[in-house]
Amino acid sequence: MDTDVIIVGAGPTGLMLACELRLAGVHPLVLERRPRRRDTPKAGGLGEQILELLCYRGLLERCGTACTGLVGP
C-alpha cells in the first residue's frame, strides 16, 4: 500500500482533508476505530470554514439539497 499521509479519524474534518489531499495528488490513508457510522451525528451543523470550502469546491448546493430536516431562521 502506497500512503503519503495517515489521517486518524473519519469524521467530517478527516474525510474532507483526505479529499483535499487526494485532489492535490497525495495518497492519504484514513484510519477509524469505529466499525460503522454512529446512529446520531456528533456535529450540530456546518461552520463558516466548511461552508466556504464546500462553496469553493462547488459542492455547497449539492450538499444543501441532500440534507433533510434543515431548520431555517
Protein backbone atom coordinates (compact mmCIF):
# COMPACT_ATOMS: atom_id res chain seq x y z
CA MET A 1 0.00 0.00 0.00
CA ASP A 2 1.43 3.36 -1.04
CA THR A 3 0.48 6.04 1.51
CA ASP A 4 1.86 9.55 1.84
CA VAL A 5 -0.25 10.71 4.80
CA ILE A 6 -2.16 8.90 7.54
CA ILE A 7 -5.30 10.64 8.82
CA VAL A 8 -6.69 9.45 12.14
CA GLY A 9 -10.46 9.80 12.28
CA ALA A 10 -13.09 9.53 9.57
CA GLY A 11 -15.19 12.42 10.81
CA PRO A 12 -16.05 15.44 8.67
CA THR A 13 -12.62 17.01 9.09
CA GLY A 14 -10.67 13.84 8.38
CA LEU A 15 -12.72 12.97 5.31
CA MET A 16 -12.59 16.49 3.88
CA LEU A 17 -8.83 16.58 4.48
CA ALA A 18 -8.45 13.24 2.69
CA CYS A 19 -10.44 14.57 -0.28
CA GLU A 20 -8.38 17.75 -0.49
CA LEU A 21 -5.11 15.83 -0.26
CA ARG A 22 -6.21 13.41 -2.97
CA LEU A 23 -7.11 16.32 -5.26
CA ALA A 24 -3.54 17.55 -4.70
CA GLY A 25 -2.11 14.17 -5.77
CA VAL A 26 -1.33 12.94 -2.26
CA HIS A 27 -2.29 9.37 -1.27
CA PRO A 28 -3.96 9.54 2.17
CA LEU A 29 -4.97 6.63 4.37
CA VAL A 30 -7.89 7.31 6.74
CA LEU A 31 -8.00 5.24 9.94
CA GLU A 32 -11.17 5.00 12.01
CA ARG A 33 -11.60 2.92 15.15
CA ARG A 34 -15.38 2.62 14.91
CA PRO A 35 -16.56 -0.27 12.71
CA ARG A 36 -19.61 1.67 11.44
CA ARG A 37 -21.24 5.08 11.40
CA ARG A 38 -22.82 6.49 14.55
CA ASP A 39 -26.61 6.47 14.88
CA THR A 40 -26.57 10.11 15.98
CA PRO A 41 -24.34 12.80 14.47
CA LYS A 42 -21.65 14.44 16.60
CA ALA A 43 -21.82 17.80 14.87
CA GLY A 44 -24.86 20.05 15.11
CA GLY A 45 -24.22 21.98 11.91
CA LEU A 46 -21.67 23.30 9.46
CA GLY A 47 -19.34 26.11 10.46
CA GLU A 48 -18.23 29.04 8.34
CA GLN A 49 -14.95 27.46 7.20
CA ILE A 50 -16.51 24.23 5.98
CA LEU A 51 -19.23 26.19 4.16
CA GLU A 52 -16.54 28.26 2.44
CA LEU A 53 -14.66 25.11 1.44
CA LEU A 54 -17.80 23.43 0.08
CA CYS A 55 -18.58 26.58 -1.88
CA TYR A 56 -15.01 26.75 -3.21
CA ARG A 57 -15.25 23.14 -4.40
CA GLY A 58 -18.70 23.71 -5.95
CA LEU A 59 -20.33 21.30 -3.50
CA LEU A 60 -22.41 23.64 -1.33
CA GLU A 61 -25.62 23.46 -3.37
CA ARG A 62 -25.28 19.69 -3.81
CA CYS A 63 -24.85 19.19 -0.07
CA GLY A 64 -27.76 21.50 0.70
CA THR A 65 -30.16 19.53 -1.48
CA ALA A 66 -29.02 16.25 0.08
CA CYS A 67 -29.72 17.47 3.63
CA THR A 68 -33.03 16.73 5.28
CA GLY A 69 -34.58 18.16 8.38
CA LEU A 70 -32.99 21.58 7.99
CA VAL A 71 -34.17 24.21 10.43
CA GLY A 72 -34.33 27.67 8.95
CA PRO A 73 -34.22 31.07 10.67
